[in-house]
């Protein structure tokens, strides 16, 4: 059963990539659907790291508290190994 779920997920990701290339990145279908082309071009900029992250995403990560265990881990990573 999980094989089918994984296959559908891979096909969906492949179709999204094809849509970004065919429409969003000034492909041959960009003239026929300019609104979709703008959305997909913006998506391509975000995936390439060229655009600023959405404000909602920035706010979401700012709300996550820093845990004490991650602070301990970071402090111990800077110490030289003990032999």
PDB file of N, CA and C in Angstrom:
ATOM      1  N   UNK A   1       0.825  -1.198   0.000  1.00  0.00           N
ATOM      2  CA  UNK A   1       0.000   0.000   0.000  1.00  0.00           C
ATOM      3  C   UNK A   1       0.866   1.258   0.000  1.00  0.00           C
ATOM      4  N   UNK A   2       1.942   1.241   0.796  1.00  0.00           N
ATOM      5  CA  UNK A   2       2.784   2.431   0.872  1.00  0.00           C
ATOM      6  C   UNK A   2       3.507   2.683  -0.457  1.00  0.00           C
ATOM      7  N   UNK A   3       3.690   1.622  -1.252  1.00  0.00           N
ATOM      8  CA  UNK A   3       4.314   1.787  -2.562  1.00  0.00           C
ATOM      9  C   UNK A   3       3.497   2.744  -3.423  1.00  0.00           C
ATOM     10  N   UNK A   4       2.205   2.609  -3.386  1.00  0.00           N
ATOM     11  CA  UNK A   4       1.338   3.474  -4.200  1.00  0.00           C
ATOM     12  C   UNK A   4       1.363   4.914  -3.708  1.00  0.00           C
ATOM     13  N   UNK A   5       1.412   5.104  -2.414  1.00  0.00           N
ATOM     14  CA  UNK A   5       1.462   6.463  -1.863  1.00  0.00           C
ATOM     15  C   UNK A   5       2.764   7.139  -2.269  1.00  0.00           C
ATOM     16  N   UNK A   6       3.856   6.417  -2.172  1.00  0.00           N
ATOM     17  CA  UNK A   6       5.159   6.975  -2.561  1.00  0.00           C
ATOM     18  C   UNK A   6       5.177   7.272  -4.056  1.00  0.00           C
ATOM     19  N   UNK A   7       4.627   6.383  -4.859  1.00  0.00           N
ATOM     20  CA  UNK A   7       4.585   6.604  -6.310  1.00  0.00           C
ATOM     21  C   UNK A   7       3.768   7.829  -6.663  1.00  0.00           C
ATOM     22  N   UNK A   8       2.617   7.993  -6.031  1.00  0.00           N
ATOM     23  CA  UNK A   8       1.770   9.166  -6.293  1.00  0.00           C
ATOM     24  C   UNK A   8       2.489  10.444  -5.860  1.00  0.00           C
ATOM     25  N   UNK A   9       3.187  10.406  -4.737  1.00  0.00           N
ATOM     26  CA  UNK A   9       3.921  11.585  -4.271  1.00  0.00           C
ATOM     27  C   UNK A   9       5.033  11.962  -5.250  1.00  0.00           C
ATOM     28  N   UNK A  10       5.752  10.978  -5.754  1.00  0.00           N
ATOM     29  CA  UNK A  10       6.833  11.254  -6.707  1.00  0.00           C
ATOM     30  C   UNK A  10       6.277  11.818  -8.007  1.00  0.00           C
ATOM     31  N   UNK A  11       5.177  11.256  -8.472  1.00  0.00           N
ATOM     32  CA  UNK A  11       4.559  11.759  -9.705  1.00  0.00           C
ATOM     33  C   UNK A  11       4.048  13.182  -9.499  1.00  0.00           C
ATOM     34  N   UNK A  12       3.470  13.479  -8.342  1.00  0.00           N
ATOM     35  CA  UNK A  12       2.974  14.828  -8.066  1.00  0.00           C
ATOM     36  C   UNK A  12       4.130  15.831  -8.042  1.00  0.00           C
ATOM     37  N   UNK A  13       5.234  15.470  -7.430  1.00  0.00           N
ATOM     38  CA  UNK A  13       6.397  16.356  -7.397  1.00  0.00           C
ATOM     39  C   UNK A  13       6.938  16.576  -8.805  1.00  0.00           C
ATOM     40  N   UNK A  14       6.990  15.516  -9.596  1.00  0.00           N
ATOM     41  CA  UNK A  14       7.475  15.644 -10.971  1.00  0.00           C
ATOM     42  C   UNK A  14       6.554  16.555 -11.788  1.00  0.00           C
ATOM     43  N   UNK A  15       5.253  16.430 -11.613  1.00  0.00           N
ATOM     44  CA  UNK A  15       4.318  17.293 -12.344  1.00  0.00           C
ATOM     45  C   UNK A  15       4.459  18.762 -11.924  1.00  0.00           C
ATOM     46  N   UNK A  16       4.708  18.994 -10.656  1.00  0.00           N
ATOM     47  CA  UNK A  16       4.926  20.373 -10.196  1.00  0.00           C
ATOM     48  C   UNK A  16       6.191  20.957 -10.813  1.00  0.00           C
ATOM     49  N   UNK A  17       7.241  20.179 -10.883  1.00  0.00           N
ATOM     50  CA  UNK A  17       8.486  20.658 -11.490  1.00  0.00           C
ATOM     51  C   UNK A  17       8.278  20.935 -12.966  1.00  0.00           C
ATOM     52  N   UNK A  18       7.565  20.069 -13.642  1.00  0.00           N
ATOM     53  CA  UNK A  18       7.275  20.289 -15.065  1.00  0.00           C
ATOM     54  C   UNK A  18       6.453  21.554 -15.247  1.00  0.00           C
ATOM     55  N   UNK A  19       5.488  21.788 -14.362  1.00  0.00           N
ATOM     56  CA  UNK A  19       4.674  23.005 -14.454  1.00  0.00           C
ATOM     57  C   UNK A  19       5.514  24.254 -14.246  1.00  0.00           C
ATOM     58  N   UNK A  20       6.427  24.203 -13.290  1.00  0.00           N
ATOM     59  CA  UNK A  20       7.289  25.367 -13.049  1.00  0.00           C
ATOM     60  C   UNK A  20       8.146  25.653 -14.271  1.00  0.00           C
ATOM     61  N   UNK A  21       8.677  24.634 -14.884  1.00  0.00           N
ATOM     62  CA  UNK A  21       9.536  24.822 -16.055  1.00  0.00           C
ATOM     63  C   UNK A  21       8.723  25.234 -17.275  1.00  0.00           C
ATOM     64  N   UNK A  22       7.602  24.565 -17.525  1.00  0.00           N
ATOM     65  CA  UNK A  22       6.825  24.818 -18.738  1.00  0.00           C
ATOM     66  C   UNK A  22       6.104  26.150 -18.707  1.00  0.00           C
ATOM     67  N   UNK A  23       5.628  26.568 -17.555  1.00  0.00           N
ATOM     68  CA  UNK A  23       4.813  27.780 -17.489  1.00  0.00           C
ATOM     69  C   UNK A  23       5.542  28.909 -16.789  1.00  0.00           C
ATOM     70  N   UNK A  24       6.110  28.634 -15.636  1.00  0.00           N
ATOM     71  CA  UNK A  24       6.630  29.703 -14.786  1.00  0.00           C
ATOM     72  C   UNK A  24       7.933  30.314 -15.214  1.00  0.00           C
ATOM     73  N   UNK A  25       8.756  29.589 -15.896  1.00  0.00           N
ATOM     74  CA  UNK A  25      10.074  30.115 -16.233  1.00  0.00           C
ATOM     75  C   UNK A  25      10.133  30.535 -17.694  1.00  0.00           C
ATOM     76  N   UNK A  26       9.135  31.271 -18.120  1.00  0.00           N
ATOM     77  CA  UNK A  26       9.044  31.795 -19.482  1.00  0.00           C
ATOM     78  C   UNK A  26       9.051  30.673 -20.516  1.00  0.00           C
ATOM     79  N   UNK A  27       8.372  29.591 -20.185  1.00  0.00           N
ATOM     80  CA  UNK A  27       8.260  28.479 -21.111  1.00  0.00           C
ATOM     81  C   UNK A  27       7.238  28.789 -22.195  1.00  0.00           C
ATOM     82  N   UNK A  28       6.924  27.807 -22.993  1.00  0.00           N
ATOM     83  CA  UNK A  28       6.039  28.017 -24.136  1.00  0.00           C
ATOM     84  C   UNK A  28       4.597  28.298 -23.718  1.00  0.00           C
ATOM     85  N   UNK A  29       4.198  27.907 -22.518  1.00  0.00           N
ATOM     86  CA  UNK A  29       2.823  28.136 -22.078  1.00  0.00           C
ATOM     87  C   UNK A  29       2.653  29.422 -21.274  1.00  0.00           C
ATOM     88  N   UNK A  30       3.712  30.186 -21.082  1.00  0.00           N
ATOM     89  CA  UNK A  30       3.637  31.393 -20.264  1.00  0.00           C
ATOM     90  C   UNK A  30       2.724  32.445 -20.873  1.00  0.00           C
ATOM     91  N   UNK A  31       2.650  32.531 -22.199  1.00  0.00           N
ATOM     92  CA  UNK A  31       1.795  33.527 -22.848  1.00  0.00           C
ATOM     93  C   UNK A  31       0.314  33.181 -22.711  1.00  0.00           C
ATOM     94  N   UNK A  32      -0.013  31.913 -22.622  1.00  0.00           N
ATOM     95  CA  UNK A  32      -1.410  31.497 -22.558  1.00  0.00           C
ATOM     96  C   UNK A  32      -1.997  31.620 -21.157  1.00  0.00           C
ATOM     97  N   UNK A  33      -1.182  31.547 -20.129  1.00  0.00           N
ATOM     98  CA  UNK A  33      -1.653  31.629 -18.747  1.00  0.00           C
ATOM     99  C   UNK A  33      -0.724  32.533 -17.942  1.00  0.00           C
ATOM    100  N   UNK A  34      -0.844  33.864 -18.117  1.00  0.00           N
ATOM    101  CA  UNK A  34       0.105  34.766 -17.441  1.00  0.00           C
ATOM    102  C   UNK A  34      -0.026  34.769 -15.916  1.00  0.00           C
ATOM    103  N   UNK A  35      -1.245  34.580 -15.379  1.00  0.00           N
ATOM    104  CA  UNK A  35      -1.389  34.560 -13.923  1.00  0.00           C
ATOM    105  C   UNK A  35      -0.692  33.345 -13.317  1.00  0.00           C
ATOM    106  N   UNK A  36      -0.894  32.210 -13.941  1.00  0.00           N
ATOM    107  CA  UNK A  36      -0.234  30.989 -13.465  1.00  0.00           C
ATOM    108  C   UNK A  36       1.271  31.112 -13.651  1.00  0.00           C
ATOM    109  N   UNK A  37       1.688  31.738 -14.739  1.00  0.00           N
ATOM    110  CA  UNK A  37       3.120  31.915 -14.995  1.00  0.00           C
ATOM    111  C   UNK A  37       3.764  32.768 -13.906  1.00  0.00           C
ATOM    112  N   UNK A  38       3.069  33.810 -13.461  1.00  0.00           N
ATOM    113  CA  UNK A  38       3.618  34.666 -12.402  1.00  0.00           C
ATOM    114  C   UNK A  38       3.750  33.910 -11.082  1.00  0.00           C
ATOM    115  N   UNK A  39       2.733  33.128 -10.742  1.00  0.00           N
ATOM    116  CA  UNK A  39       2.784  32.350  -9.493  1.00  0.00           C
ATOM    117  C   UNK A  39       3.916  31.326  -9.548  1.00  0.00           C
ATOM    118  N   UNK A  40       4.030  30.627 -10.662  1.00  0.00           N
ATOM    119  CA  UNK A  40       5.068  29.603 -10.774  1.00  0.00           C
ATOM    120  C   UNK A  40       6.466  30.219 -10.876  1.00  0.00           C
ATOM    121  N   UNK A  41       6.577  31.385 -11.492  1.00  0.00           N
ATOM    122  CA  UNK A  41       7.875  32.066 -11.534  1.00  0.00           C
ATOM    123  C   UNK A  41       8.295  32.493 -10.134  1.00  0.00           C
ATOM    124  N   UNK A  42       7.325  32.954  -9.348  1.00  0.00           N
ATOM    125  CA  UNK A  42       7.616  33.328  -7.967  1.00  0.00           C
ATOM    126  C   UNK A  42       8.016  32.092  -7.163  1.00  0.00           C
ATOM    127  N   UNK A  43       7.346  30.982  -7.404  1.00  0.00           N
ATOM    128  CA  UNK A  43       7.706  29.722  -6.747  1.00  0.00           C
ATOM    129  C   UNK A  43       9.124  29.312  -7.128  1.00  0.00           C
ATOM    130  N   UNK A  44       9.470  29.447  -8.384  1.00  0.00           N
ATOM    131  CA  UNK A  44      10.823  29.096  -8.830  1.00  0.00           C
ATOM    132  C   UNK A  44      11.865  29.986  -8.157  1.00  0.00           C
ATOM    133  N   UNK A  45      11.569  31.271  -7.989  1.00  0.00           N
ATOM    134  CA  UNK A  45      12.507  32.171  -7.301  1.00  0.00           C
ATOM    135  C   UNK A  45      12.703  31.746  -5.851  1.00  0.00           C
ATOM    136  N   UNK A  46      11.602  31.349  -5.191  1.00  0.00           N
ATOM    137  CA  UNK A  46      11.712  30.890  -3.809  1.00  0.00           C
ATOM    138  C   UNK A  46      12.518  29.602  -3.723  1.00  0.00           C
ATOM    139  N   UNK A  47      12.283  28.672  -4.637  1.00  0.00           N
ATOM    140  CA  UNK A  47      13.020  27.409  -4.616  1.00  0.00           C
ATOM    141  C   UNK A  47      14.502  27.604  -4.909  1.00  0.00           C
ATOM    142  N   UNK A  48      14.837  28.612  -5.695  1.00  0.00           N
ATOM    143  CA  UNK A  48      16.235  28.909  -6.001  1.00  0.00           C
ATOM    144  C   UNK A  48      16.903  29.724  -4.905  1.00  0.00           C
ATOM    145  N   UNK A  49      16.114  30.235  -3.960  1.00  0.00           N
ATOM    146  CA  UNK A  49      16.661  31.049  -2.883  1.00  0.00           C
ATOM    147  C   UNK A  49      16.880  32.492  -3.273  1.00  0.00           C
ATOM    148  N   UNK A  50      16.277  32.933  -4.357  1.00  0.00           N
ATOM    149  CA  UNK A  50      16.465  34.299  -4.839  1.00  0.00           C
ATOM    150  C   UNK A  50      15.462  35.275  -4.228  1.00  0.00           C
ATOM    151  N   UNK A  51      14.357  34.795  -3.703  1.00  0.00           N
ATOM    152  CA  UNK A  51      13.313  35.656  -3.151  1.00  0.00           C
ATOM    153  C   UNK A  51      13.373  35.630  -1.628  1.00  0.00           C
ATOM    154  N   UNK A  52      12.844  36.683  -1.019  1.00  0.00           N
ATOM    155  CA  UNK A  52      12.756  36.732   0.438  1.00  0.00           C
ATOM    156  C   UNK A  52      11.717  35.713   0.907  1.00  0.00           C
ATOM    157  N   UNK A  53      11.927  35.122   2.082  1.00  0.00           N
ATOM    158  CA  UNK A  53      10.935  34.162   2.578  1.00  0.00           C
ATOM    159  C   UNK A  53       9.629  34.877   2.921  1.00  0.00           C
ATOM    160  N   UNK A  54       8.508  34.188   2.816  1.00  0.00           N
ATOM    161  CA  UNK A  54       7.232  34.801   3.170  1.00  0.00           C
ATOM    162  C   UNK A  54       7.208  35.199   4.644  1.00  0.00           C
ATOM    163  N   UNK A  55       6.541  36.292   4.948  1.00  0.00           N
ATOM    164  CA  UNK A  55       6.514  36.808   6.313  1.00  0.00           C
ATOM    165  C   UNK A  55       5.879  35.809   7.276  1.00  0.00           C
ATOM    166  N   UNK A  56       4.868  35.078   6.842  1.00  0.00           N
ATOM    167  CA  UNK A  56       4.238  34.088   7.706  1.00  0.00           C
ATOM    168  C   UNK A  56       5.208  32.995   8.120  1.00  0.00           C
ATOM    169  N   UNK A  57       6.076  32.589   7.215  1.00  0.00           N
ATOM    170  CA  UNK A  57       7.074  31.570   7.531  1.00  0.00           C
ATOM    171  C   UNK A  57       8.106  32.108   8.517  1.00  0.00           C
ATOM    172  N   UNK A  58       8.520  33.349   8.321  1.00  0.00           N
ATOM    173  CA  UNK A  58       9.477  33.971   9.237  1.00  0.00           C
ATOM    174  C   UNK A  58       8.869  34.075  10.630  1.00  0.00           C
ATOM    175  N   UNK A  59       7.593  34.509  10.713  1.00  0.00           N
ATOM    176  CA  UNK A  59       6.923  34.621  12.004  1.00  0.00           C
ATOM    177  C   UNK A  59       6.786  33.256  12.673  1.00  0.00           C
ATOM    178  N   UNK A  60       6.496  32.227  11.878  1.00  0.00           N
ATOM    179  CA  UNK A  60       6.351  30.877  12.434  1.00  0.00           C
ATOM    180  C   UNK A  60       7.638  30.420  13.095  1.00  0.00           C
ATOM    181  N   UNK A  61       8.774  30.603  12.438  1.00  0.00           N
ATOM    182  CA  UNK A  61      10.037  30.145  13.010  1.00  0.00           C
ATOM    183  C   UNK A  61      10.497  31.027  14.161  1.00  0.00           C
ATOM    184  N   UNK A  62      10.066  32.284  14.196  1.00  0.00           N
ATOM    185  CA  UNK A  62      10.401  33.142  15.333  1.00  0.00           C
ATOM    186  C   UNK A  62       9.646  32.729  16.589  1.00  0.00           C
ATOM    187  N   UNK A  63       8.474  32.091  16.437  1.00  0.00           N
ATOM    188  CA  UNK A  63       7.666  31.682  17.580  1.00  0.00           C
ATOM    189  C   UNK A  63       8.162  30.393  18.224  1.00  0.00           C
ATOM    190  N   UNK A  64       9.006  29.632  17.551  1.00  0.00           N
ATOM    191  CA  UNK A  64       9.494  28.375  18.099  1.00  0.00           C
ATOM    192  C   UNK A  64      10.527  28.676  19.183  1.00  0.00           C
ATOM    193  N   UNK A  65      10.259  28.224  20.415  1.00  0.00           N
ATOM    194  CA  UNK A  65      11.223  28.513  21.493  1.00  0.00           C
ATOM    195  C   UNK A  65      12.497  27.702  21.324  1.00  0.00           C
ATOM    196  N   UNK A  66      13.576  28.297  21.729  1.00  0.00           N
ATOM    197  CA  UNK A  66      14.863  27.593  21.716  1.00  0.00           C
ATOM    198  C   UNK A  66      14.917  26.695  22.939  1.00  0.00           C
ATOM    199  N   UNK A  67      15.162  25.424  22.741  1.00  0.00           N
ATOM    200  CA  UNK A  67      15.176  24.499  23.870  1.00  0.00           C
ATOM    201  C   UNK A  67      16.553  24.492  24.523  1.00  0.00           C
ATOM    202  N   UNK A  68      16.575  24.115  25.785  1.00  0.00           N
ATOM    203  CA  UNK A  68      17.837  24.082  26.533  1.00  0.00           C
ATOM    204  C   UNK A  68      18.748  22.988  26.003  1.00  0.00           C
ATOM    205  N   UNK A  69      18.160  21.888  25.516  1.00  0.00           N
ATOM    206  CA  UNK A  69      19.004  20.799  25.032  1.00  0.00           C
ATOM    207  C   UNK A  69      19.765  21.200  23.777  1.00  0.00           C
ATOM    208  N   UNK A  70      19.150  21.990  22.909  1.00  0.00           N
ATOM    209  CA  UNK A  70      19.864  22.407  21.715  1.00  0.00           C
ATOM    210  C   UNK A  70      20.963  23.407  22.061  1.00  0.00           C
ATOM    211  N   UNK A  71      20.757  24.205  23.111  1.00  0.00           N
ATOM    212  CA  UNK A  71      21.797  25.136  23.530  1.00  0.00           C
ATOM    213  C   UNK A  71      22.977  24.369  24.113  1.00  0.00           C
ATOM    214  N   UNK A  72      22.684  23.314  24.888  1.00  0.00           N
ATOM    215  CA  UNK A  72      23.765  22.488  25.431  1.00  0.00           C
ATOM    216  C   UNK A  72      24.532  21.805  24.315  1.00  0.00           C
ATOM    217  N   UNK A  73      23.821  21.345  23.341  1.00  0.00           N
ATOM    218  CA  UNK A  73      24.453  20.653  22.233  1.00  0.00           C
ATOM    219  C   UNK A  73      25.369  21.596  21.460  1.00  0.00           C
ATOM    220  N   UNK A  74      24.895  22.812  21.240  1.00  0.00           N
ATOM    221  CA  UNK A  74      25.700  23.776  20.498  1.00  0.00           C
ATOM    222  C   UNK A  74      26.948  24.158  21.289  1.00  0.00           C
ATOM    223  N   UNK A  75      26.817  24.294  22.610  1.00  0.00           N
ATOM    224  CA  UNK A  75      27.971  24.654  23.434  1.00  0.00           C
ATOM    225  C   UNK A  75      28.988  23.517  23.442  1.00  0.00           C
ATOM    226  N   UNK A  76      28.509  22.289  23.499  1.00  0.00           N
ATOM    227  CA  UNK A  76      29.452  21.177  23.534  1.00  0.00           C
ATOM    228  C   UNK A  76      30.123  20.963  22.183  1.00  0.00           C
ATOM    229  N   UNK A  77      29.482  21.409  21.137  1.00  0.00           N
ATOM    230  CA  UNK A  77      30.080  21.231  19.800  1.00  0.00           C
ATOM    231  C   UNK A  77      31.295  22.128  19.620  1.00  0.00           C
ATOM    232  N   UNK A  78      31.353  23.237  20.356  1.00  0.00           N
ATOM    233  CA  UNK A  78      32.484  24.144  20.195  1.00  0.00           C
ATOM    234  C   UNK A  78      33.680  23.717  21.043  1.00  0.00           C
ATOM    235  N   UNK A  79      33.496  22.784  21.981  1.00  0.00           N
ATOM    236  CA  UNK A  79      34.592  22.315  22.817  1.00  0.00           C
ATOM    237  C   UNK A  79      35.436  21.291  22.056  1.00  0.00           C
ATOM    238  N   UNK A  80      36.732  21.277  22.298  1.00  0.00           N
ATOM    239  CA  UNK A  80      37.556  20.240  21.650  1.00  0.00           C
ATOM    240  C   UNK A  80      37.248  18.877  22.255  1.00  0.00           C
ATOM    241  N   UNK A  81      37.427  17.828  21.503  1.00  0.00           N
ATOM    242  CA  UNK A  81      37.146  16.493  22.043  1.00  0.00           C
ATOM    243  C   UNK A  81      38.116  16.139  23.161  1.00  0.00           C
ATOM    244  N   UNK A  82      37.595  15.426  24.165  1.00  0.00           N
ATOM    245  CA  UNK A  82      38.424  15.010  25.303  1.00  0.00           C
ATOM    246  C   UNK A  82      38.983  13.631  25.023  1.00  0.00           C
ATOM    247  N   UNK A  83      40.273  13.456  25.271  1.00  0.00           N
ATOM    248  CA  UNK A  83      40.923  12.165  24.989  1.00  0.00           C
ATOM    249  C   UNK A  83      41.430  11.541  26.234  1.00  0.00           C
TER     250      UNK A  83
END
